[in-house]
C-alpha atoms as a PDB file:
ATOM      1  CA  UNK A   1       0.309  -0.091  -0.090  1.00  0.00           C
ATOM      2  CA  UNK A   2       1.049   3.556  -0.681  1.00  0.00           C
ATOM      3  CA  UNK A   3       0.432   6.016   1.590  1.00  0.00           C
ATOM      4  CA  UNK A   4       1.140  10.225   1.409  1.00  0.00           C
ATOM      5  CA  UNK A   5       0.503  13.296   2.990  1.00  0.00           C
ATOM      6  CA  UNK A   6      -1.822  14.972   0.725  1.00  0.00           C
ATOM      7  CA  UNK A   7      -2.050  18.848   1.179  1.00  0.00           C
ATOM      8  CA  UNK A   8      -2.722  21.792  -1.056  1.00  0.00           C
ATOM      9  CA  UNK A   9       0.787  22.419  -2.023  1.00  0.00           C
ATOM     10  CA  UNK A  10       1.160  18.970  -3.475  1.00  0.00           C
ATOM     11  CA  UNK A  11      -2.243  17.755  -4.763  1.00  0.00           C
ATOM     12  CA  UNK A  12      -1.238  18.284  -8.579  1.00  0.00           C
ATOM     13  CA  UNK A  13       1.799  16.283  -8.540  1.00  0.00           C
ATOM     14  CA  UNK A  14       0.121  13.705  -6.476  1.00  0.00           C
ATOM     15  CA  UNK A  15      -2.830  13.121  -9.245  1.00  0.00           C
ATOM     16  CA  UNK A  16      -0.115  12.920 -11.966  1.00  0.00           C
ATOM     17  CA  UNK A  17       1.664  10.101  -9.999  1.00  0.00           C
ATOM     18  CA  UNK A  18      -1.915   8.717  -9.629  1.00  0.00           C
ATOM     19  CA  UNK A  19      -2.368   9.089 -13.231  1.00  0.00           C
ATOM     20  CA  UNK A  20       0.897   7.830 -14.367  1.00  0.00           C
ATOM     21  CA  UNK A  21       0.199   4.312 -11.792  1.00  0.00           C
ATOM     22  CA  UNK A  22      -3.042   3.564 -13.347  1.00  0.00           C
ATOM     23  CA  UNK A  23      -1.795   4.324 -16.972  1.00  0.00           C
ATOM     24  CA  UNK A  24       1.079   1.745 -16.369  1.00  0.00           C
ATOM     25  CA  UNK A  25      -0.670  -1.162 -14.794  1.00  0.00           C
ATOM     26  CA  UNK A  26      -3.897  -0.664 -16.149  1.00  0.00           C
ATOM     27  CA  UNK A  27      -5.461  -1.518 -12.944  1.00  0.00           C
ATOM     28  CA  UNK A  28      -8.219  -0.448 -10.584  1.00  0.00           C
ATOM     29  CA  UNK A  29      -7.166   0.803  -7.472  1.00  0.00           C
ATOM     30  CA  UNK A  30      -9.054   1.557  -4.188  1.00  0.00           C
ATOM     31  CA  UNK A  31      -8.091   5.081  -2.540  1.00  0.00           C
ATOM     32  CA  UNK A  32      -8.996   6.296   0.453  1.00  0.00           C
ATOM     33  CA  UNK A  33      -8.886   9.564   1.749  1.00  0.00           C
ATOM     34  CA  UNK A  34      -8.966  10.486   5.747  1.00  0.00           C
ATOM     35  CA  UNK A  35      -7.179  12.972   7.628  1.00  0.00           C
ATOM     36  CA  UNK A  36      -3.452  12.889   8.191  1.00  0.00           C
ATOM     37  CA  UNK A  37      -2.800  12.239  11.608  1.00  0.00           C
ATOM     38  CA  UNK A  38       0.768  11.547  12.861  1.00  0.00           C
ATOM     39  CA  UNK A  39       1.673   8.034  13.774  1.00  0.00           C
ATOM     40  CA  UNK A  40       2.518   6.747  17.153  1.00  0.00           C
ATOM     41  CA  UNK A  41       5.927   7.870  19.033  1.00  0.00           C
ATOM     42  CA  UNK A  42       8.943   5.791  19.799  1.00  0.00           C
ATOM     43  CA  UNK A  43       7.997   7.254  23.515  1.00  0.00           C
ATOM     44  CA  UNK A  44       4.150   5.247  23.320  1.00  0.00           C
ATOM     45  CA  UNK A  45       5.787   2.108  21.831  1.00  0.00           C
ATOM     46  CA  UNK A  46       8.402   2.056  24.592  1.00  0.00           C
ATOM     47  CA  UNK A  47       5.850   2.501  27.286  1.00  0.00           C
ATOM     48  CA  UNK A  48       3.253  -0.054  25.618  1.00  0.00           C
ATOM     49  CA  UNK A  49       6.184  -2.614  25.714  1.00  0.00           C
ATOM     50  CA  UNK A  50       6.711  -1.725  29.627  1.00  0.00           C
ATOM     51  CA  UNK A  51       2.862  -2.630  29.993  1.00  0.00           C
ATOM     52  CA  UNK A  52       2.964  -5.838  28.536  1.00  0.00           C
ATOM     53  CA  UNK A  53       6.106  -6.307  30.413  1.00  0.00           C
ATOM     54  CA  UNK A  54       4.442  -5.442  33.751  1.00  0.00           C
ATOM     55  CA  UNK A  55       1.062  -7.419  32.930  1.00  0.00           C
ATOM     56  CA  UNK A  56       3.285 -10.283  32.175  1.00  0.00           C
ATOM     57  CA  UNK A  57       4.966 -10.019  35.666  1.00  0.00           C
ATOM     58  CA  UNK A  58       1.901  -9.380  37.534  1.00  0.00           C
ATOM     59  CA  UNK A  59      -0.014 -12.741  35.780  1.00  0.00           C
ATOM     60  CA  UNK A  60       3.053 -15.092  36.522  1.00  0.00           C
ATOM     61  CA  UNK A  61       2.796 -13.666  40.069  1.00  0.00           C
ATOM     62  CA  UNK A  62      -0.495 -14.739  40.274  1.00  0.00           C
ATOM     63  CA  UNK A  63      -0.038 -18.085  38.798  1.00  0.00           C
ATOM     64  CA  UNK A  64      -0.113 -17.575  35.131  1.00  0.00           C
ATOM     65  CA  UNK A  65       2.218 -19.399  33.687  1.00  0.00           C
ATOM     66  CA  UNK A  66       3.793 -19.075  29.957  1.00  0.00           C
ATOM     67  CA  UNK A  67       2.551 -14.937  30.364  1.00  0.00           C
ATOM     68  CA  UNK A  68       5.354 -13.401  28.064  1.00  0.00           C
ATOM     69  CA  UNK A  69       5.610 -10.047  27.443  1.00  0.00           C
ATOM     70  CA  UNK A  70       4.889 -11.080  23.650  1.00  0.00           C
ATOM     71  CA  UNK A  71       1.907 -13.541  24.675  1.00  0.00           C
ATOM     72  CA  UNK A  72       0.398 -10.552  26.898  1.00  0.00           C
ATOM     73  CA  UNK A  73       0.914  -8.382  23.826  1.00  0.00           C
ATOM     74  CA  UNK A  74      -1.135 -10.485  21.087  1.00  0.00           C
ATOM     75  CA  UNK A  75      -3.942 -11.161  23.670  1.00  0.00           C
ATOM     76  CA  UNK A  76      -4.384  -7.509  24.616  1.00  0.00           C
ATOM     77  CA  UNK A  77      -4.660  -6.461  20.912  1.00  0.00           C
ATOM     78  CA  UNK A  78      -7.038  -9.439  20.602  1.00  0.00           C
ATOM     79  CA  UNK A  79      -8.912  -7.636  23.353  1.00  0.00           C
ATOM     80  CA  UNK A  80      -8.796  -4.177  22.722  1.00  0.00           C
ATOM     81  CA  UNK A  81      -8.047  -3.946  18.595  1.00  0.00           C
ATOM     82  CA  UNK A  82      -9.240  -6.591  17.139  1.00  0.00           C
ATOM     83  CA  UNK A  83      -8.803  -8.329  13.607  1.00  0.00           C
ATOM     84  CA  UNK A  84      -9.106  -7.102  10.202  1.00  0.00           C
ATOM     85  CA  UNK A  85      -8.763  -9.009   7.060  1.00  0.00           C
ATOM     86  CA  UNK A  86      -5.368  -8.999   4.601  1.00  0.00           C
ATOM     87  CA  UNK A  87      -4.694 -10.186   1.334  1.00  0.00           C
ATOM     88  CA  UNK A  88      -1.343 -12.664   0.646  1.00  0.00           C
ATOM     89  CA  UNK A  89      -0.307 -14.222  -2.368  1.00  0.00           C
ATOM     90  CA  UNK A  90       0.882 -17.103  -2.477  1.00  0.00           C
ATOM     91  CA  UNK A  91       3.995 -17.097  -3.971  1.00  0.00           C
ATOM     92  CA  UNK A  92       3.734 -20.032  -6.177  1.00  0.00           C
ATOM     93  CA  UNK A  93       0.407 -20.082  -7.695  1.00  0.00           C
ATOM     94  CA  UNK A  94      -0.079 -15.743  -7.445  1.00  0.00           C
ATOM     95  CA  UNK A  95      -3.275 -16.756  -6.122  1.00  0.00           C
ATOM     96  CA  UNK A  96      -4.528 -14.119  -3.632  1.00  0.00           C
ATOM     97  CA  UNK A  97      -5.609 -15.177  -0.252  1.00  0.00           C
ATOM     98  CA  UNK A  98      -7.484 -13.206   2.163  1.00  0.00           C
ATOM     99  CA  UNK A  99      -7.120 -14.031   5.730  1.00  0.00           C
ATOM    100  CA  UNK A 100      -7.956 -12.130   9.129  1.00  0.00           C
ATOM    101  CA  UNK A 101      -4.977 -11.290  11.259  1.00  0.00           C
ATOM    102  CA  UNK A 102      -4.567  -9.146  14.266  1.00  0.00           C
ATOM    103  CA  UNK A 103      -4.645  -5.475  13.958  1.00  0.00           C
ATOM    104  CA  UNK A 104      -1.136  -3.785  14.251  1.00  0.00           C
ATOM    105  CA  UNK A 105       0.031  -1.539  16.899  1.00  0.00           C
ATOM    106  CA  UNK A 106       2.538  -0.029  14.215  1.00  0.00           C
ATOM    107  CA  UNK A 107      -0.139   1.593  12.296  1.00  0.00           C
ATOM    108  CA  UNK A 108      -2.377   3.502  15.326  1.00  0.00           C
ATOM    109  CA  UNK A 109      -1.639   7.006  15.079  1.00  0.00           C
ATOM    110  CA  UNK A 110      -1.092   8.996  18.417  1.00  0.00           C
ATOM    111  CA  UNK A 111      -4.662   9.614  19.300  1.00  0.00           C
ATOM    112  CA  UNK A 112      -5.117   5.633  18.554  1.00  0.00           C
ATOM    113  CA  UNK A 113      -2.182   4.836  20.750  1.00  0.00           C
ATOM    114  CA  UNK A 114      -3.474   6.787  23.385  1.00  0.00           C
ATOM    115  CA  UNK A 115      -7.084   5.243  23.435  1.00  0.00           C
ATOM    116  CA  UNK A 116      -5.377   1.593  23.375  1.00  0.00           C
ATOM    117  CA  UNK A 117      -2.826   2.511  26.321  1.00  0.00           C
ATOM    118  CA  UNK A 118      -6.076   3.666  28.549  1.00  0.00           C
ATOM    119  CA  UNK A 119      -7.780   0.786  27.401  1.00  0.00           C
ATOM    120  CA  UNK A 120      -4.990  -1.539  28.961  1.00  0.00           C
ATOM    121  CA  UNK A 121      -4.423   0.454  31.833  1.00  0.00           C
ATOM    122  CA  UNK A 122      -7.810   0.328  32.899  1.00  0.00           C
ATOM    123  CA  UNK A 123      -8.137  -3.392  32.459  1.00  0.00           C
ATOM    124  CA  UNK A 124      -5.007  -3.843  34.086  1.00  0.00           C
ATOM    125  CA  UNK A 125      -6.082  -1.787  37.268  1.00  0.00           C
ATOM    126  CA  UNK A 126      -9.747  -3.883  37.227  1.00  0.00           C
ATOM    127  CA  UNK A 127      -7.866  -6.825  37.678  1.00  0.00           C
ATOM    128  CA  UNK A 128      -5.414  -5.449  40.303  1.00  0.00           C
ATOM    129  CA  UNK A 129      -2.024  -5.077  38.406  1.00  0.00           C
ATOM    130  CA  UNK A 130      -1.427  -1.000  38.623  1.00  0.00           C
ATOM    131  CA  UNK A 131       1.234   0.431  36.584  1.00  0.00           C
ATOM    132  CA  UNK A 132       3.450   3.337  37.049  1.00  0.00           C
ATOM    133  CA  UNK A 133       3.030   5.917  34.492  1.00  0.00           C
ATOM    134  CA  UNK A 134       6.856   7.529  34.196  1.00  0.00           C
ATOM    135  CA  UNK A 135       6.528  11.308  34.585  1.00  0.00           C
ATOM    136  CA  UNK A 136       8.775  11.935  31.422  1.00  0.00           C
ATOM    137  CA  UNK A 137       6.559   9.669  28.994  1.00  0.00           C
ATOM    138  CA  UNK A 138       4.471  11.210  26.192  1.00  0.00           C
ATOM    139  CA  UNK A 139       1.617   9.131  27.487  1.00  0.00           C
ATOM    140  CA  UNK A 140       1.474  11.194  30.788  1.00  0.00           C
ATOM    141  CA  UNK A 141       1.958  14.331  28.781  1.00  0.00           C
ATOM    142  CA  UNK A 142      -0.884  13.823  26.237  1.00  0.00           C
ATOM    143  CA  UNK A 143      -2.793  12.957  29.567  1.00  0.00           C
ATOM    144  CA  UNK A 144      -1.774  16.391  30.941  1.00  0.00           C
ATOM    145  CA  UNK A 145      -2.903  18.500  28.308  1.00  0.00           C
ATOM    146  CA  UNK A 146      -6.349  16.972  28.275  1.00  0.00           C
ATOM    147  CA  UNK A 147      -6.831  17.840  31.603  1.00  0.00           C
ATOM    148  CA  UNK A 148      -5.953  21.317  31.594  1.00  0.00           C
END
């Protein structure tokens, strides 16, 4: 999938590129336009991984074996992000296969990432797993900006 930032300044150039793509491939394409929002930050990603580690430690401490941080991440994505349909191509036959897969945290924007993190923190608190939010992390700054 090709992604680009469309602005008034580059609209004509992008239209030209789209015309060239369609002309050269002779295929139809689905184009979706949505408001540009920045992707989640490295700080948000790091905090989410800290949460997975803390939840893993908590679950193991409370008798749940085999709850690695990777296991926690996968199952929290299932609980809060859900699934989406993805296309795969059989490398031998070229057949396009559609399958369900967990949504990726990689594709979350700043707001979606904050919402996902908040859902996880609320859930963790509900099972007795309290996770401290570091003073110097973007999640804390975003939370503080919403309460001002």
